[in-house]
């Protein structure tokens, strides 16, 4: 149960970070849901779309 909660938190965090960077939040939510902490690590390093 704890693992599921952590994966959902990663998915929401990926979506929020991607939205702030101008990326597709739905796509990044799914990536965060599938890959968890690894997806979160990737979204942290993608560049801002509007810079």
N, C-alpha and C. Protein backbone atom coordinates (compact mmCIF):
# COMPACT_ATOMS: atom_id res chain seq x y z
N UNK A 1 0.82 -1.20 0.00
CA UNK A 1 0.00 0.00 0.00
C UNK A 1 0.87 1.26 0.00
N UNK A 2 1.94 1.24 0.78
CA UNK A 2 2.84 2.38 0.83
C UNK A 2 3.48 2.62 -0.54
N UNK A 3 3.82 1.54 -1.22
CA UNK A 3 4.43 1.66 -2.54
C UNK A 3 3.50 2.35 -3.52
N UNK A 4 2.23 2.01 -3.48
CA UNK A 4 1.24 2.63 -4.36
C UNK A 4 1.14 4.13 -4.10
N UNK A 5 1.16 4.50 -2.84
CA UNK A 5 1.08 5.92 -2.48
C UNK A 5 2.31 6.67 -2.98
N UNK A 6 3.48 6.06 -2.84
CA UNK A 6 4.72 6.70 -3.32
C UNK A 6 4.68 6.88 -4.83
N UNK A 7 4.19 5.87 -5.57
CA UNK A 7 4.11 5.96 -7.03
C UNK A 7 3.13 7.06 -7.44
N UNK A 8 2.01 7.18 -6.72
CA UNK A 8 1.05 8.24 -7.04
C UNK A 8 1.63 9.63 -6.74
N UNK A 9 2.38 9.75 -5.66
CA UNK A 9 3.02 11.02 -5.34
C UNK A 9 4.03 11.38 -6.43
N UNK A 10 4.79 10.41 -6.91
CA UNK A 10 5.74 10.65 -7.99
C UNK A 10 5.01 11.10 -9.26
N UNK A 11 3.88 10.47 -9.55
CA UNK A 11 3.12 10.83 -10.74
C UNK A 11 2.59 12.26 -10.66
N UNK A 12 2.05 12.64 -9.52
CA UNK A 12 1.53 14.00 -9.34
C UNK A 12 2.67 15.01 -9.39
N UNK A 13 3.80 14.68 -8.78
CA UNK A 13 4.95 15.58 -8.80
C UNK A 13 5.47 15.76 -10.22
N UNK A 14 5.55 14.67 -10.99
CA UNK A 14 5.99 14.76 -12.39
C UNK A 14 5.06 15.66 -13.19
N UNK A 15 3.76 15.47 -12.99
CA UNK A 15 2.77 16.27 -13.71
C UNK A 15 2.90 17.76 -13.37
N UNK A 16 3.06 18.06 -12.10
CA UNK A 16 3.17 19.46 -11.67
C UNK A 16 4.44 20.11 -12.19
N UNK A 17 5.55 19.42 -12.09
CA UNK A 17 6.82 19.97 -12.56
C UNK A 17 6.78 20.18 -14.08
N UNK A 18 6.24 19.18 -14.80
CA UNK A 18 6.15 19.30 -16.26
C UNK A 18 5.25 20.46 -16.66
N UNK A 19 4.15 20.64 -15.96
CA UNK A 19 3.24 21.75 -16.26
C UNK A 19 3.94 23.09 -16.04
N UNK A 20 4.72 23.21 -14.99
CA UNK A 20 5.47 24.45 -14.72
C UNK A 20 6.54 24.72 -15.76
N UNK A 21 7.03 23.65 -16.40
CA UNK A 21 8.06 23.80 -17.43
C UNK A 21 7.48 23.91 -18.83
N UNK A 22 6.15 23.90 -18.95
CA UNK A 22 5.52 24.06 -20.25
C UNK A 22 5.38 22.75 -21.01
N UNK A 23 5.55 21.64 -20.35
CA UNK A 23 5.43 20.33 -20.99
C UNK A 23 4.01 19.79 -20.78
N UNK A 24 3.70 18.67 -21.42
CA UNK A 24 2.39 18.05 -21.32
C UNK A 24 2.24 17.36 -19.95
N UNK A 25 1.37 17.87 -19.07
CA UNK A 25 1.27 17.29 -17.74
C UNK A 25 0.64 15.90 -17.72
N UNK A 26 -0.27 15.61 -18.64
CA UNK A 26 -0.91 14.29 -18.67
C UNK A 26 0.10 13.22 -19.07
N UNK A 27 0.91 13.52 -20.07
CA UNK A 27 1.94 12.59 -20.48
C UNK A 27 2.92 12.32 -19.34
N UNK A 28 3.33 13.37 -18.66
CA UNK A 28 4.29 13.20 -17.58
C UNK A 28 3.67 12.55 -16.35
N UNK A 29 2.36 12.71 -16.16
CA UNK A 29 1.69 11.98 -15.09
C UNK A 29 1.79 10.48 -15.36
N UNK A 30 1.54 10.09 -16.60
CA UNK A 30 1.62 8.67 -16.97
C UNK A 30 3.06 8.15 -16.86
N UNK A 31 4.01 8.96 -17.28
CA UNK A 31 5.42 8.55 -17.15
C UNK A 31 5.78 8.38 -15.67
N UNK A 32 5.34 9.31 -14.84
CA UNK A 32 5.60 9.19 -13.40
C UNK A 32 4.90 7.99 -12.79
N UNK A 33 3.73 7.67 -13.30
CA UNK A 33 2.99 6.52 -12.80
C UNK A 33 3.68 5.21 -13.18
N UNK A 34 4.24 5.17 -14.38
CA UNK A 34 4.89 3.95 -14.85
C UNK A 34 6.30 3.77 -14.30
N UNK A 35 7.05 4.86 -14.20
CA UNK A 35 8.47 4.76 -13.84
C UNK A 35 8.80 5.28 -12.45
N UNK A 36 7.85 5.88 -11.77
CA UNK A 36 8.05 6.32 -10.39
C UNK A 36 9.17 7.34 -10.23
N UNK A 37 10.09 7.05 -9.35
CA UNK A 37 11.15 7.99 -9.02
C UNK A 37 12.07 8.26 -10.21
N UNK A 38 12.19 7.30 -11.12
CA UNK A 38 13.02 7.50 -12.31
C UNK A 38 12.39 8.55 -13.23
N UNK A 39 11.08 8.51 -13.39
CA UNK A 39 10.38 9.52 -14.17
C UNK A 39 10.52 10.90 -13.55
N UNK A 40 10.48 10.94 -12.24
CA UNK A 40 10.66 12.21 -11.53
C UNK A 40 12.06 12.76 -11.75
N UNK A 41 13.04 11.88 -11.74
CA UNK A 41 14.41 12.32 -12.01
C UNK A 41 14.58 12.88 -13.40
N UNK A 42 13.92 12.29 -14.37
CA UNK A 42 14.02 12.76 -15.76
C UNK A 42 13.33 14.10 -15.92
N UNK A 43 12.14 14.26 -15.37
CA UNK A 43 11.40 15.52 -15.54
C UNK A 43 12.12 16.68 -14.88
N UNK A 44 12.92 16.41 -13.87
CA UNK A 44 13.67 17.49 -13.24
C UNK A 44 14.74 18.06 -14.15
N UNK A 45 15.23 17.25 -15.11
CA UNK A 45 16.32 17.69 -15.96
C UNK A 45 15.88 18.14 -17.36
N UNK A 46 14.58 18.06 -17.68
CA UNK A 46 14.17 18.53 -19.01
C UNK A 46 14.16 20.07 -18.98
N UNK A 47 14.49 20.66 -20.11
CA UNK A 47 14.53 22.13 -20.13
C UNK A 47 13.13 22.74 -20.18
N UNK A 48 13.05 24.00 -19.78
CA UNK A 48 11.79 24.73 -19.90
C UNK A 48 11.47 24.91 -21.38
N UNK A 49 10.21 24.76 -21.72
CA UNK A 49 9.80 24.87 -23.12
C UNK A 49 9.83 26.32 -23.60
N UNK A 50 9.64 27.26 -22.69
CA UNK A 50 9.51 28.67 -23.10
C UNK A 50 10.77 29.48 -22.90
N UNK A 51 11.87 28.84 -22.55
CA UNK A 51 13.14 29.59 -22.40
C UNK A 51 13.86 29.73 -23.69
